[in-house]
Amino acid sequence: MLSAVGLDADAAQQFPHRLSGGMCQRVLLAAALAGRPSLLVVDEPTASLDTLNRRRVLSLLAGLRRDTGVAVLLITHDQRAVAGICDRHVVLTPPDPRPANAEPTTPAPAPQVSDARR
């Protein structure tokens, strides 16, 4: 599995504190892929990574989608990451500030959905 995420077998013998942030992310992706999931949920996979490792992880996710057919649910604040690898994205808006028992005067805004393939 490590080779599928661009790491050599030596990474399996390293202590976690000896790995870079990008390497740690890839080890976690390898562990998640070991069970051959049909859906991979990744929450902020590029948080706290430098620009180079951010690109590597996003490229890896795009390649995994293409090569294995796994669906990826990417949770992130990084809109640029979403635009680069996702077919569709949803932007969640803040919750409706009205109290739960208040009479609705206007409908709450719907989540924004776009199709990146357009």
C-alpha atoms as a PDB file:
ATOM      1  CA  MET A   1       0.000   0.000   0.000  1.00  0.00           C
ATOM      2  CA  LEU A   2       2.838   2.432   0.690  1.00  0.00           C
ATOM      3  CA  SER A   3       3.959   2.298  -2.934  1.00  0.00           C
ATOM      4  CA  ALA A   4       0.402   3.260  -3.996  1.00  0.00           C
ATOM      5  CA  VAL A   5       0.841   6.563  -2.139  1.00  0.00           C
ATOM      6  CA  GLY A   6       4.368   7.242  -3.377  1.00  0.00           C
ATOM      7  CA  LEU A   7       6.370   5.957  -0.413  1.00  0.00           C
ATOM      8  CA  ASP A   8       8.982   3.238  -0.338  1.00  0.00           C
ATOM      9  CA  ALA A   9       8.924   0.313   2.096  1.00  0.00           C
ATOM     10  CA  ASP A  10      11.455   2.038   4.369  1.00  0.00           C
ATOM     11  CA  ALA A  11       8.733   4.408   5.539  1.00  0.00           C
ATOM     12  CA  ALA A  12       7.064   1.485   7.337  1.00  0.00           C
ATOM     13  CA  GLN A  13      10.126   1.130   9.563  1.00  0.00           C
ATOM     14  CA  GLN A  14      10.274   4.799  10.586  1.00  0.00           C
ATOM     15  CA  PHE A  15       8.911   6.276  13.790  1.00  0.00           C
ATOM     16  CA  PRO A  16       6.157   8.815  13.061  1.00  0.00           C
ATOM     17  CA  HIS A  17       8.208  11.737  14.395  1.00  0.00           C
ATOM     18  CA  ARG A  18      10.869  10.959  11.760  1.00  0.00           C
ATOM     19  CA  LEU A  19       8.413  11.456   8.867  1.00  0.00           C
ATOM     20  CA  SER A  20       7.539  14.781   7.269  1.00  0.00           C
ATOM     21  CA  GLY A  21       3.972  16.083   7.422  1.00  0.00           C
ATOM     22  CA  GLY A  22       3.360  15.057   3.815  1.00  0.00           C
ATOM     23  CA  MET A  23       4.756  11.581   4.458  1.00  0.00           C
ATOM     24  CA  CYS A  24       2.489  11.182   7.496  1.00  0.00           C
ATOM     25  CA  GLN A  25      -0.542  12.138   5.401  1.00  0.00           C
ATOM     26  CA  ARG A  26       0.425   9.569   2.772  1.00  0.00           C
ATOM     27  CA  VAL A  27       0.920   6.840   5.397  1.00  0.00           C
ATOM     28  CA  LEU A  28      -2.577   7.590   6.714  1.00  0.00           C
ATOM     29  CA  LEU A  29      -3.981   7.413   3.182  1.00  0.00           C
ATOM     30  CA  ALA A  30      -2.256   4.049   2.672  1.00  0.00           C
ATOM     31  CA  ALA A  31      -3.809   2.743   5.898  1.00  0.00           C
ATOM     32  CA  ALA A  32      -7.238   3.988   4.811  1.00  0.00           C
ATOM     33  CA  LEU A  33      -6.864   2.342   1.394  1.00  0.00           C
ATOM     34  CA  ALA A  34      -5.756  -0.999   2.837  1.00  0.00           C
ATOM     35  CA  GLY A  35      -9.381  -2.059   3.301  1.00  0.00           C
ATOM     36  CA  ARG A  36     -10.190  -1.242  -0.351  1.00  0.00           C
ATOM     37  CA  PRO A  37     -12.981   1.229   0.442  1.00  0.00           C
ATOM     38  CA  SER A  38     -15.420   2.486  -2.158  1.00  0.00           C
ATOM     39  CA  LEU A  39     -15.535   5.863  -0.354  1.00  0.00           C
ATOM     40  CA  LEU A  40     -12.580   7.677   1.173  1.00  0.00           C
ATOM     41  CA  VAL A  41     -13.439  10.530   3.565  1.00  0.00           C
ATOM     42  CA  VAL A  42     -10.545  12.944   3.993  1.00  0.00           C
ATOM     43  CA  ASP A  43     -10.892  15.806   6.454  1.00  0.00           C
ATOM     44  CA  GLU A  44      -8.476  18.703   5.889  1.00  0.00           C
ATOM     45  CA  PRO A  45      -5.783  16.520   4.269  1.00  0.00           C
ATOM     46  CA  THR A  46      -3.640  19.540   3.405  1.00  0.00           C
ATOM     47  CA  ALA A  47      -3.935  21.472   6.667  1.00  0.00           C
ATOM     48  CA  SER A  48      -0.527  22.427   8.056  1.00  0.00           C
ATOM     49  CA  LEU A  49       1.333  21.228   4.951  1.00  0.00           C
ATOM     50  CA  ASP A  50       3.677  23.403   2.947  1.00  0.00           C
ATOM     51  CA  THR A  51       2.812  24.254  -0.646  1.00  0.00           C
ATOM     52  CA  LEU A  52       4.854  21.430  -2.187  1.00  0.00           C
ATOM     53  CA  ASN A  53       3.394  18.730   0.065  1.00  0.00           C
ATOM     54  CA  ARG A  54      -0.090  20.196  -0.350  1.00  0.00           C
ATOM     55  CA  ARG A  55       0.235  19.750  -4.124  1.00  0.00           C
ATOM     56  CA  ARG A  56       1.600  16.223  -3.697  1.00  0.00           C
ATOM     57  CA  VAL A  57      -1.277  15.118  -1.465  1.00  0.00           C
ATOM     58  CA  LEU A  58      -3.922  16.658  -3.758  1.00  0.00           C
ATOM     59  CA  SER A  59      -2.274  15.088  -6.798  1.00  0.00           C
ATOM     60  CA  LEU A  60      -2.206  11.764  -4.971  1.00  0.00           C
ATOM     61  CA  LEU A  61      -5.927  12.010  -4.169  1.00  0.00           C
ATOM     62  CA  ALA A  62      -6.719  12.828  -7.802  1.00  0.00           C
ATOM     63  CA  GLY A  63      -4.619   9.882  -8.961  1.00  0.00           C
ATOM     64  CA  LEU A  64      -6.279   7.517  -6.507  1.00  0.00           C
ATOM     65  CA  ARG A  65      -9.694   8.567  -7.778  1.00  0.00           C
ATOM     66  CA  ARG A  66      -8.611   7.985 -11.349  1.00  0.00           C
ATOM     67  CA  ASP A  67      -6.666   4.738 -10.826  1.00  0.00           C
ATOM     68  CA  THR A  68      -8.786   2.934  -8.229  1.00  0.00           C
ATOM     69  CA  GLY A  69     -12.216   4.421  -8.816  1.00  0.00           C
ATOM     70  CA  VAL A  70     -12.574   5.256  -5.128  1.00  0.00           C
ATOM     71  CA  ALA A  71     -14.972   8.106  -4.407  1.00  0.00           C
ATOM     72  CA  VAL A  72     -13.397  10.883  -2.334  1.00  0.00           C
ATOM     73  CA  LEU A  73     -15.331  13.090   0.067  1.00  0.00           C
ATOM     74  CA  LEU A  74     -12.957  15.994   0.659  1.00  0.00           C
ATOM     75  CA  ILE A  75     -13.698  18.209   3.648  1.00  0.00           C
ATOM     76  CA  THR A  76     -11.662  21.394   3.552  1.00  0.00           C
ATOM     77  CA  HIS A  77     -11.624  25.150   3.910  1.00  0.00           C
ATOM     78  CA  ASP A  78      -9.285  25.380   0.911  1.00  0.00           C
ATOM     79  CA  GLN A  79     -11.508  26.287  -2.053  1.00  0.00           C
ATOM     80  CA  ARG A  80      -8.547  26.019  -4.433  1.00  0.00           C
ATOM     81  CA  ALA A  81      -8.040  22.384  -3.444  1.00  0.00           C
ATOM     82  CA  VAL A  82     -11.669  21.632  -4.181  1.00  0.00           C
ATOM     83  CA  ALA A  83     -11.557  23.298  -7.578  1.00  0.00           C
ATOM     84  CA  GLY A  84      -8.541  21.268  -8.602  1.00  0.00           C
ATOM     85  CA  ILE A  85      -9.726  17.730  -7.943  1.00  0.00           C
ATOM     86  CA  CYS A  86     -13.457  17.600  -7.296  1.00  0.00           C
ATOM     87  CA  ASP A  87     -16.264  16.985  -9.777  1.00  0.00           C
ATOM     88  CA  ARG A  88     -18.790  18.707  -7.519  1.00  0.00           C
ATOM     89  CA  HIS A  89     -18.600  20.725  -4.334  1.00  0.00           C
ATOM     90  CA  VAL A  90     -20.960  22.047  -1.702  1.00  0.00           C
ATOM     91  CA  VAL A  91     -20.293  25.202   0.290  1.00  0.00           C
ATOM     92  CA  LEU A  92     -21.908  25.058   3.702  1.00  0.00           C
ATOM     93  CA  THR A  93     -23.295  28.316   4.960  1.00  0.00           C
ATOM     94  CA  PRO A  94     -23.539  29.346   8.611  1.00  0.00           C
ATOM     95  CA  PRO A  95     -26.602  28.037  10.429  1.00  0.00           C
ATOM     96  CA  ASP A  96     -29.827  30.023  10.434  1.00  0.00           C
ATOM     97  CA  PRO A  97     -29.567  32.441  13.402  1.00  0.00           C
ATOM     98  CA  ARG A  98     -33.327  32.382  14.070  1.00  0.00           C
ATOM     99  CA  PRO A  99     -34.457  30.476  17.184  1.00  0.00           C
ATOM    100  CA  ALA A 100     -35.804  27.001  16.454  1.00  0.00           C
ATOM    101  CA  ASN A 101     -39.331  27.957  17.551  1.00  0.00           C
ATOM    102  CA  ALA A 102     -39.471  31.218  15.549  1.00  0.00           C
ATOM    103  CA  GLU A 103     -41.937  31.606  12.721  1.00  0.00           C
ATOM    104  CA  PRO A 104     -40.069  31.599   9.432  1.00  0.00           C
ATOM    105  CA  THR A 105     -40.307  34.925   7.642  1.00  0.00           C
ATOM    106  CA  THR A 106     -37.979  33.990   4.827  1.00  0.00           C
ATOM    107  CA  PRO A 107     -36.643  30.582   3.899  1.00  0.00           C
ATOM    108  CA  ALA A 108     -33.187  29.658   5.153  1.00  0.00           C
ATOM    109  CA  PRO A 109     -30.573  29.791   2.407  1.00  0.00           C
ATOM    110  CA  ALA A 110     -29.925  26.502   0.622  1.00  0.00           C
ATOM    111  CA  PRO A 111     -26.378  25.134   0.414  1.00  0.00           C
ATOM    112  CA  GLN A 112     -24.532  26.216  -2.719  1.00  0.00           C
ATOM    113  CA  VAL A 113     -23.832  23.331  -5.067  1.00  0.00           C
ATOM    114  CA  SER A 114     -21.826  23.591  -8.231  1.00  0.00           C
ATOM    115  CA  ASP A 115     -20.612  21.166 -10.849  1.00  0.00           C
ATOM    116  CA  ALA A 116     -16.904  21.699 -11.514  1.00  0.00           C
ATOM    117  CA  ARG A 117     -17.159  19.921 -14.861  1.00  0.00           C
ATOM    118  CA  ARG A 118     -19.056  22.845 -16.435  1.00  0.00           C
END
